Amino acid sequence: MPELIYLLCAVTSLICAWLLLRSYRRTRFPLLFWSGLCFSALALNNLLLVLDKLVFPDINFSIVRVSLALLALLLLLFGLIWQDD
């Protein structure tokens, strides 16, 4: 059951990133761009979680996963702070 949840989280964040970046391409609203980058990094984070827990259980990817999650949140924070509207 955890395998299914890990995969669903990865797919959901990937779909969110795709929708946000597609909407940014149409409207050019900067917050959509930063949110799309955040969700892209979160999708990579979820993919690393799948690799960490399911594919390579002997290798610990936790430092890379936490660093990627921090990067994702920093991208969103940057977009929220530096938006000129």
PDB file of N, CA and C in Angstrom:
ATOM      1  N   MET A   1       0.794  -1.206   0.000  1.00  0.00           N
ATOM      2  CA  MET A   1       0.000   0.000   0.000  1.00  0.00           C
ATOM      3  C   MET A   1       0.840   1.276   0.000  1.00  0.00           C
ATOM      4  N   PRO A   2       1.942   1.357   0.751  1.00  0.00           N
ATOM      5  CA  PRO A   2       2.758   2.587   0.684  1.00  0.00           C
ATOM      6  C   PRO A   2       3.305   2.853  -0.718  1.00  0.00           C
ATOM      7  N   GLU A   3       3.565   1.807  -1.479  1.00  0.00           N
ATOM      8  CA  GLU A   3       4.085   1.980  -2.830  1.00  0.00           C
ATOM      9  C   GLU A   3       3.106   2.763  -3.692  1.00  0.00           C
ATOM     10  N   LEU A   4       1.823   2.409  -3.560  1.00  0.00           N
ATOM     11  CA  LEU A   4       0.800   3.100  -4.335  1.00  0.00           C
ATOM     12  C   LEU A   4       0.698   4.567  -3.929  1.00  0.00           C
ATOM     13  N   ILE A   5       0.796   4.832  -2.645  1.00  0.00           N
ATOM     14  CA  ILE A   5       0.712   6.216  -2.166  1.00  0.00           C
ATOM     15  C   ILE A   5       1.907   7.026  -2.654  1.00  0.00           C
ATOM     16  N   TYR A   6       3.111   6.449  -2.606  1.00  0.00           N
ATOM     17  CA  TYR A   6       4.298   7.151  -3.108  1.00  0.00           C
ATOM     18  C   TYR A   6       4.140   7.501  -4.583  1.00  0.00           C
ATOM     19  N   LEU A   7       3.664   6.546  -5.366  1.00  0.00           N
ATOM     20  CA  LEU A   7       3.502   6.786  -6.800  1.00  0.00           C
ATOM     21  C   LEU A   7       2.404   7.810  -7.079  1.00  0.00           C
ATOM     22  N   LEU A   8       1.303   7.737  -6.335  1.00  0.00           N
ATOM     23  CA  LEU A   8       0.232   8.717  -6.529  1.00  0.00           C
ATOM     24  C   LEU A   8       0.681  10.126  -6.170  1.00  0.00           C
ATOM     25  N   CYS A   9       1.482  10.265  -5.130  1.00  0.00           N
ATOM     26  CA  CYS A   9       2.014  11.591  -4.769  1.00  0.00           C
ATOM     27  C   CYS A   9       2.924  12.129  -5.864  1.00  0.00           C
ATOM     28  N   ALA A  10       3.754  11.275  -6.425  1.00  0.00           N
ATOM     29  CA  ALA A  10       4.652  11.707  -7.497  1.00  0.00           C
ATOM     30  C   ALA A  10       3.860  12.135  -8.729  1.00  0.00           C
ATOM     31  N   VAL A  11       2.870  11.354  -9.094  1.00  0.00           N
ATOM     32  CA  VAL A  11       2.056  11.682 -10.269  1.00  0.00           C
ATOM     33  C   VAL A  11       1.260  12.964 -10.032  1.00  0.00           C
ATOM     34  N   THR A  12       0.699  13.117  -8.845  1.00  0.00           N
ATOM     35  CA  THR A  12      -0.084  14.312  -8.541  1.00  0.00           C
ATOM     36  C   THR A  12       0.762  15.575  -8.605  1.00  0.00           C
ATOM     37  N   SER A  13       1.948  15.547  -8.013  1.00  0.00           N
ATOM     38  CA  SER A  13       2.797  16.741  -8.056  1.00  0.00           C
ATOM     39  C   SER A  13       3.294  17.022  -9.471  1.00  0.00           C
ATOM     40  N   LEU A  14       3.512  15.982 -10.258  1.00  0.00           N
ATOM     41  CA  LEU A  14       3.913  16.183 -11.651  1.00  0.00           C
ATOM     42  C   LEU A  14       2.781  16.817 -12.465  1.00  0.00           C
ATOM     43  N   ILE A  15       1.564  16.370 -12.241  1.00  0.00           N
ATOM     44  CA  ILE A  15       0.413  16.955 -12.939  1.00  0.00           C
ATOM     45  C   ILE A  15       0.215  18.406 -12.517  1.00  0.00           C
ATOM     46  N   CYS A  16       0.355  18.688 -11.231  1.00  0.00           N
ATOM     47  CA  CYS A  16       0.239  20.080 -10.758  1.00  0.00           C
ATOM     48  C   CYS A  16       1.294  20.965 -11.400  1.00  0.00           C
ATOM     49  N   ALA A  17       2.537  20.487 -11.467  1.00  0.00           N
ATOM     50  CA  ALA A  17       3.606  21.265 -12.094  1.00  0.00           C
ATOM     51  C   ALA A  17       3.293  21.532 -13.558  1.00  0.00           C
ATOM     52  N   TRP A  18       2.821  20.507 -14.250  1.00  0.00           N
ATOM     53  CA  TRP A  18       2.492  20.660 -15.667  1.00  0.00           C
ATOM     54  C   TRP A  18       1.372  21.683 -15.863  1.00  0.00           C
ATOM     55  N   LEU A  19       0.320  21.600 -15.049  1.00  0.00           N
ATOM     56  CA  LEU A  19      -0.796  22.533 -15.176  1.00  0.00           C
ATOM     57  C   LEU A  19      -0.377  23.964 -14.852  1.00  0.00           C
ATOM     58  N   LEU A  20       0.423  24.140 -13.821  1.00  0.00           N
ATOM     59  CA  LEU A  20       0.875  25.479 -13.461  1.00  0.00           C
ATOM     60  C   LEU A  20       1.760  26.086 -14.538  1.00  0.00           C
ATOM     61  N   LEU A  21       2.704  25.308 -15.053  1.00  0.00           N
ATOM     62  CA  LEU A  21       3.600  25.841 -16.090  1.00  0.00           C
ATOM     63  C   LEU A  21       2.871  26.082 -17.403  1.00  0.00           C
ATOM     64  N   ARG A  22       1.880  25.252 -17.709  1.00  0.00           N
ATOM     65  CA  ARG A  22       1.072  25.474 -18.910  1.00  0.00           C
ATOM     66  C   ARG A  22       0.258  26.760 -18.782  1.00  0.00           C
ATOM     67  N   SER A  23      -0.288  26.983 -17.593  1.00  0.00           N
ATOM     68  CA  SER A  23      -1.046  28.207 -17.361  1.00  0.00           C
ATOM     69  C   SER A  23      -0.136  29.429 -17.392  1.00  0.00           C
ATOM     70  N   TYR A  24       1.083  29.279 -16.882  1.00  0.00           N
ATOM     71  CA  TYR A  24       2.039  30.395 -16.951  1.00  0.00           C
ATOM     72  C   TYR A  24       2.352  30.753 -18.396  1.00  0.00           C
ATOM     73  N   ARG A  25       2.490  29.745 -19.227  1.00  0.00           N
ATOM     74  CA  ARG A  25       2.819  29.994 -20.631  1.00  0.00           C
ATOM     75  C   ARG A  25       1.725  30.811 -21.319  1.00  0.00           C
ATOM     76  N   ARG A  26       0.472  30.626 -20.892  1.00  0.00           N
ATOM     77  CA  ARG A  26      -0.625  31.379 -21.478  1.00  0.00           C
ATOM     78  C   ARG A  26      -0.761  32.785 -20.894  1.00  0.00           C
ATOM     79  N   THR A  27      -0.579  32.943 -19.574  1.00  0.00           N
ATOM     80  CA  THR A  27      -0.885  34.215 -18.921  1.00  0.00           C
ATOM     81  C   THR A  27       0.343  35.049 -18.577  1.00  0.00           C
ATOM     82  N   ARG A  28       1.497  34.423 -18.458  1.00  0.00           N
ATOM     83  CA  ARG A  28       2.744  35.092 -18.059  1.00  0.00           C
ATOM     84  C   ARG A  28       2.658  35.714 -16.659  1.00  0.00           C
ATOM     85  N   PHE A  29       1.845  35.134 -15.786  1.00  0.00           N
ATOM     86  CA  PHE A  29       1.753  35.585 -14.408  1.00  0.00           C
ATOM     87  C   PHE A  29       2.907  34.952 -13.630  1.00  0.00           C
ATOM     88  N   PRO A  30       3.813  35.732 -13.039  1.00  0.00           N
ATOM     89  CA  PRO A  30       5.047  35.193 -12.467  1.00  0.00           C
ATOM     90  C   PRO A  30       4.849  34.179 -11.333  1.00  0.00           C
ATOM     91  N   LEU A  31       3.799  34.350 -10.546  1.00  0.00           N
ATOM     92  CA  LEU A  31       3.593  33.421  -9.442  1.00  0.00           C
ATOM     93  C   LEU A  31       3.292  32.008  -9.940  1.00  0.00           C
ATOM     94  N   LEU A  32       2.659  31.904 -11.087  1.00  0.00           N
ATOM     95  CA  LEU A  32       2.428  30.583 -11.679  1.00  0.00           C
ATOM     96  C   LEU A  32       3.746  29.916 -12.053  1.00  0.00           C
ATOM     97  N   PHE A  33       4.691  30.703 -12.546  1.00  0.00           N
ATOM     98  CA  PHE A  33       5.999  30.160 -12.904  1.00  0.00           C
ATOM     99  C   PHE A  33       6.721  29.602 -11.681  1.00  0.00           C
ATOM    100  N   TRP A  34       6.757  30.401 -10.600  1.00  0.00           N
ATOM    101  CA  TRP A  34       7.469  29.955  -9.401  1.00  0.00           C
ATOM    102  C   TRP A  34       6.765  28.774  -8.740  1.00  0.00           C
ATOM    103  N   SER A  35       5.449  28.770  -8.790  1.00  0.00           N
ATOM    104  CA  SER A  35       4.701  27.630  -8.248  1.00  0.00           C
ATOM    105  C   SER A  35       4.944  26.379  -9.082  1.00  0.00           C
ATOM    106  N   GLY A  36       5.022  26.560 -10.394  1.00  0.00           N
ATOM    107  CA  GLY A  36       5.316  25.419 -11.267  1.00  0.00           C
ATOM    108  C   GLY A  36       6.699  24.845 -11.023  1.00  0.00           C
ATOM    109  N   LEU A  37       7.678  25.737 -10.797  1.00  0.00           N
ATOM    110  CA  LEU A  37       9.025  25.251 -10.471  1.00  0.00           C
ATOM    111  C   LEU A  37       9.047  24.535  -9.127  1.00  0.00           C
ATOM    112  N   CYS A  38       8.295  25.058  -8.179  1.00  0.00           N
ATOM    113  CA  CYS A  38       8.208  24.422  -6.861  1.00  0.00           C
ATOM    114  C   CYS A  38       7.632  23.015  -6.991  1.00  0.00           C
ATOM    115  N   PHE A  39       6.536  22.883  -7.707  1.00  0.00           N
ATOM    116  CA  PHE A  39       5.929  21.567  -7.860  1.00  0.00           C
ATOM    117  C   PHE A  39       6.781  20.629  -8.717  1.00  0.00           C
ATOM    118  N   SER A  40       7.563  21.173  -9.628  1.00  0.00           N
ATOM    119  CA  SER A  40       8.493  20.329 -10.388  1.00  0.00           C
ATOM    120  C   SER A  40       9.550  19.737  -9.463  1.00  0.00           C
ATOM    121  N   ALA A  41      10.080  20.569  -8.578  1.00  0.00           N
ATOM    122  CA  ALA A  41      11.064  20.070  -7.614  1.00  0.00           C
ATOM    123  C   ALA A  41      10.427  19.090  -6.632  1.00  0.00           C
ATOM    124  N   LEU A  42       9.181  19.344  -6.257  1.00  0.00           N
ATOM    125  CA  LEU A  42       8.485  18.397  -5.375  1.00  0.00           C
ATOM    126  C   LEU A  42       8.211  17.074  -6.086  1.00  0.00           C
ATOM    127  N   ALA A  43       7.955  17.124  -7.390  1.00  0.00           N
ATOM    128  CA  ALA A  43       7.780  15.884  -8.152  1.00  0.00           C
ATOM    129  C   ALA A  43       9.082  15.090  -8.178  1.00  0.00           C
ATOM    130  N   LEU A  44      10.209  15.793  -8.359  1.00  0.00           N
ATOM    131  CA  LEU A  44      11.501  15.112  -8.292  1.00  0.00           C
ATOM    132  C   LEU A  44      11.752  14.543  -6.902  1.00  0.00           C
ATOM    133  N   ASN A  45      11.332  15.270  -5.893  1.00  0.00           N
ATOM    134  CA  ASN A  45      11.462  14.800  -4.530  1.00  0.00           C
ATOM    135  C   ASN A  45      10.659  13.507  -4.326  1.00  0.00           C
ATOM    136  N   ASN A  46       9.438  13.484  -4.838  1.00  0.00           N
ATOM    137  CA  ASN A  46       8.617  12.281  -4.720  1.00  0.00           C
ATOM    138  C   ASN A  46       9.181  11.125  -5.543  1.00  0.00           C
ATOM    139  N   LEU A  47       9.769  11.432  -6.682  1.00  0.00           N
ATOM    140  CA  LEU A  47      10.409  10.385  -7.471  1.00  0.00           C
ATOM    141  C   LEU A  47      11.604   9.796  -6.724  1.00  0.00           C
ATOM    142  N   LEU A  48      12.378  10.663  -6.069  1.00  0.00           N
ATOM    143  CA  LEU A  48      13.485  10.169  -5.246  1.00  0.00           C
ATOM    144  C   LEU A  48      12.989   9.341  -4.062  1.00  0.00           C
ATOM    145  N   LEU A  49      11.829   9.684  -3.531  1.00  0.00           N
ATOM    146  CA  LEU A  49      11.247   8.893  -2.457  1.00  0.00           C
ATOM    147  C   LEU A  49      10.902   7.492  -2.947  1.00  0.00           C
ATOM    148  N   VAL A  50      10.340   7.401  -4.143  1.00  0.00           N
ATOM    149  CA  VAL A  50      10.038   6.092  -4.726  1.00  0.00           C
ATOM    150  C   VAL A  50      11.324   5.302  -4.927  1.00  0.00           C
ATOM    151  N   LEU A  51      12.349   5.967  -5.466  1.00  0.00           N
ATOM    152  CA  LEU A  51      13.629   5.274  -5.663  1.00  0.00           C
ATOM    153  C   LEU A  51      14.253   4.858  -4.334  1.00  0.00           C
ATOM    154  N   ASP A  52      14.142   5.721  -3.342  1.00  0.00           N
ATOM    155  CA  ASP A  52      14.733   5.460  -2.033  1.00  0.00           C
ATOM    156  C   ASP A  52      14.055   4.283  -1.331  1.00  0.00           C
ATOM    157  N   LYS A  53      12.746   4.270  -1.330  1.00  0.00           N
ATOM    158  CA  LYS A  53      12.012   3.267  -0.561  1.00  0.00           C
ATOM    159  C   LYS A  53      11.762   1.972  -1.322  1.00  0.00           C
ATOM    160  N   LEU A  54      11.609   2.044  -2.645  1.00  0.00           N
ATOM    161  CA  LEU A  54      11.191   0.863  -3.393  1.00  0.00           C
ATOM    162  C   LEU A  54      12.288   0.245  -4.250  1.00  0.00           C
ATOM    163  N   VAL A  55      13.004   1.075  -4.985  1.00  0.00           N
ATOM    164  CA  VAL A  55      13.975   0.545  -5.946  1.00  0.00           C
ATOM    165  C   VAL A  55      15.316   0.255  -5.289  1.00  0.00           C
ATOM    166  N   PHE A  56      15.827   1.207  -4.515  1.00  0.00           N
ATOM    167  CA  PHE A  56      17.126   1.061  -3.860  1.00  0.00           C
ATOM    168  C   PHE A  56      16.977   1.181  -2.340  1.00  0.00           C
ATOM    169  N   PRO A  57      16.418   0.190  -1.672  1.00  0.00           N
ATOM    170  CA  PRO A  57      16.206   0.329  -0.222  1.00  0.00           C
ATOM    171  C   PRO A  57      17.503   0.340   0.589  1.00  0.00           C
ATOM    172  N   ASP A  58      18.594  -0.098  -0.018  1.00  0.00           N
ATOM    173  CA  ASP A  58      19.878  -0.122   0.694  1.00  0.00           C
ATOM    174  C   ASP A  58      20.569   1.236   0.710  1.00  0.00           C
ATOM    175  N   ILE A  59      20.214   2.096  -0.223  1.00  0.00           N
ATOM    176  CA  ILE A  59      20.854   3.411  -0.336  1.00  0.00           C
ATOM    177  C   ILE A  59      19.955   4.451   0.309  1.00  0.00           C
ATOM    178  N   ASN A  60      20.555   5.334   1.085  1.00  0.00           N
ATOM    179  CA  ASN A  60      19.797   6.369   1.782  1.00  0.00           C
ATOM    180  C   ASN A  60      19.860   7.678   0.985  1.00  0.00           C
ATOM    181  N   PHE A  61      18.725   8.083   0.451  1.00  0.00           N
ATOM    182  CA  PHE A  61      18.624   9.325  -0.312  1.00  0.00           C
ATOM    183  C   PHE A  61      18.017  10.456   0.514  1.00  0.00           C
ATOM    184  N   SER A  62      17.945  10.306   1.806  1.00  0.00           N
ATOM    185  CA  SER A  62      17.191  11.264   2.615  1.00  0.00           C
ATOM    186  C   SER A  62      17.783  12.670   2.573  1.00  0.00           C
ATOM    187  N   ILE A  63      19.095  12.808   2.565  1.00  0.00           N
ATOM    188  CA  ILE A  63      19.704  14.145   2.524  1.00  0.00           C
ATOM    189  C   ILE A  63      19.402  14.831   1.190  1.00  0.00           C
ATOM    190  N   VAL A  64      19.459  14.087   0.119  1.00  0.00           N
ATOM    191  CA  VAL A  64      19.148  14.647  -1.201  1.00  0.00           C
ATOM    192  C   VAL A  64      17.675  15.017  -1.273  1.00  0.00           C
ATOM    193  N   ARG A  65      16.802  14.165  -0.723  1.00  0.00           N
ATOM    194  CA  ARG A  65      15.362  14.448  -0.745  1.00  0.00           C
ATOM    195  C   ARG A  65      15.017  15.694   0.065  1.00  0.00           C
ATOM    196  N   VAL A  66      15.587  15.814   1.241  1.00  0.00           N
ATOM    197  CA  VAL A  66      15.304  16.983   2.073  1.00  0.00           C
ATOM    198  C   VAL A  66      15.865  18.246   1.423  1.00  0.00           C
ATOM    199  N   SER A  67      17.031  18.151   0.818  1.00  0.00           N
ATOM    200  CA  SER A  67      17.614  19.306   0.129  1.00  0.00           C
ATOM    201  C   SER A  67      16.745  19.734  -1.051  1.00  0.00           C
ATOM    202  N   LEU A  68      16.212  18.774  -1.772  1.00  0.00           N
ATOM    203  CA  LEU A  68      15.347  19.084  -2.908  1.00  0.00           C
ATOM    204  C   LEU A  68      14.025  19.694  -2.445  1.00  0.00           C
ATOM    205  N   ALA A  69      13.485  19.215  -1.342  1.00  0.00           N
ATOM    206  CA  ALA A  69      12.260  19.802  -0.794  1.00  0.00           C
ATOM    207  C   ALA A  69      12.515  21.237  -0.324  1.00  0.00           C
ATOM    208  N   LEU A  70      13.669  21.462   0.279  1.00  0.00           N
ATOM    209  CA  LEU A  70      14.032  22.820   0.697  1.00  0.00           C
ATOM    210  C   LEU A  70      14.170  23.737  -0.511  1.00  0.00           C
ATOM    211  N   LEU A  71      14.799  23.254  -1.560  1.00  0.00           N
ATOM    212  CA  LEU A  71      14.924  24.039  -2.791  1.00  0.00           C
ATOM    213  C   LEU A  71      13.550  24.382  -3.355  1.00  0.00           C
ATOM    214  N   ALA A  72      12.641  23.417  -3.342  1.00  0.00           N
ATOM    215  CA  ALA A  72      11.291  23.658  -3.856  1.00  0.00           C
ATOM    216  C   ALA A  72      10.597  24.761  -3.070  1.00  0.00           C
ATOM    217  N   LEU A  73      10.691  24.698  -1.760  1.00  0.00           N
ATOM    218  CA  LEU A  73      10.039  25.717  -0.943  1.00  0.00           C
ATOM    219  C   LEU A  73      10.723  27.075  -1.075  1.00  0.00           C
ATOM    220  N   LEU A  74      12.044  27.079  -1.248  1.00  0.00           N
ATOM    221  CA  LEU A  74      12.739  28.343  -1.454  1.00  0.00           C
ATOM    222  C   LEU A  74      12.366  28.988  -2.789  1.00  0.00           C
ATOM    223  N   LEU A  75      12.140  28.168  -3.809  1.00  0.00           N
ATOM    224  CA  LEU A  75      11.688  28.714  -5.091  1.00  0.00           C
ATOM    225  C   LEU A  75      10.333  29.389  -4.947  1.00  0.00           C
ATOM    226  N   LEU A  76       9.429  28.739  -4.233  1.00  0.00           N
ATOM    227  CA  LEU A  76       8.116  29.336  -4.038  1.00  0.00           C
ATOM    228  C   LEU A  76       8.205  30.590  -3.173  1.00  0.00           C
ATOM    229  N   LEU A  77       9.011  30.550  -2.150  1.00  0.00           N
ATOM    230  CA  LEU A  77       9.186  31.713  -1.285  1.00  0.00           C
ATOM    231  C   LEU A  77       9.786  32.885  -2.064  1.00  0.00           C
ATOM    232  N   PHE A  78      10.767  32.600  -2.904  1.00  0.00           N
ATOM    233  CA  PHE A  78      11.359  33.641  -3.745  1.00  0.00           C
ATOM    234  C   PHE A  78      10.301  34.259  -4.650  1.00  0.00           C
ATOM    235  N   GLY A  79       9.480  33.409  -5.261  1.00  0.00           N
ATOM    236  CA  GLY A  79       8.422  33.919  -6.126  1.00  0.00           C
ATOM    237  C   GLY A  79       7.409  34.757  -5.380  1.00  0.00           C
ATOM    238  N   LEU A  80       7.113  34.388  -4.145  1.00  0.00           N
ATOM    239  CA  LEU A  80       6.152  35.165  -3.358  1.00  0.00           C
ATOM    240  C   LEU A  80       6.726  36.507  -2.923  1.00  0.00           C
ATOM    241  N   ILE A  81       8.005  36.539  -2.583  1.00  0.00           N
ATOM    242  CA  ILE A  81       8.618  37.775  -2.102  1.00  0.00           C
ATOM    243  C   ILE A  81       8.913  38.740  -3.250  1.00  0.00           C
ATOM    244  N   TRP A  82       9.419  38.247  -4.366  1.00  0.00           N
ATOM    245  CA  TRP A  82       9.904  39.128  -5.422  1.00  0.00           C
ATOM    246  C   TRP A  82       8.871  39.408  -6.513  1.00  0.00           C
ATOM    247  N   GLN A  83       7.629  39.022  -6.294  1.00  0.00           N
ATOM    248  CA  GLN A  83       6.604  39.322  -7.277  1.00  0.00           C
ATOM    249  C   GLN A  83       6.321  40.819  -7.266  1.00  0.00           C
ATOM    250  N   ASP A  84       6.295  41.472  -8.447  1.00  0.00           N
ATOM    251  CA  ASP A  84       6.156  42.930  -8.469  1.00  0.00           C
ATOM    252  C   ASP A  84       4.745  43.450  -8.530  1.00  0.00           C
ATOM    253  N   ASP A  85       3.763  42.643  -8.404  1.00  0.00           N
ATOM    254  CA  ASP A  85       2.376  43.165  -8.497  1.00  0.00           C
ATOM    255  C   ASP A  85       2.001  43.911  -7.286  1.00  0.00           C
TER     256      ASP A  85
END
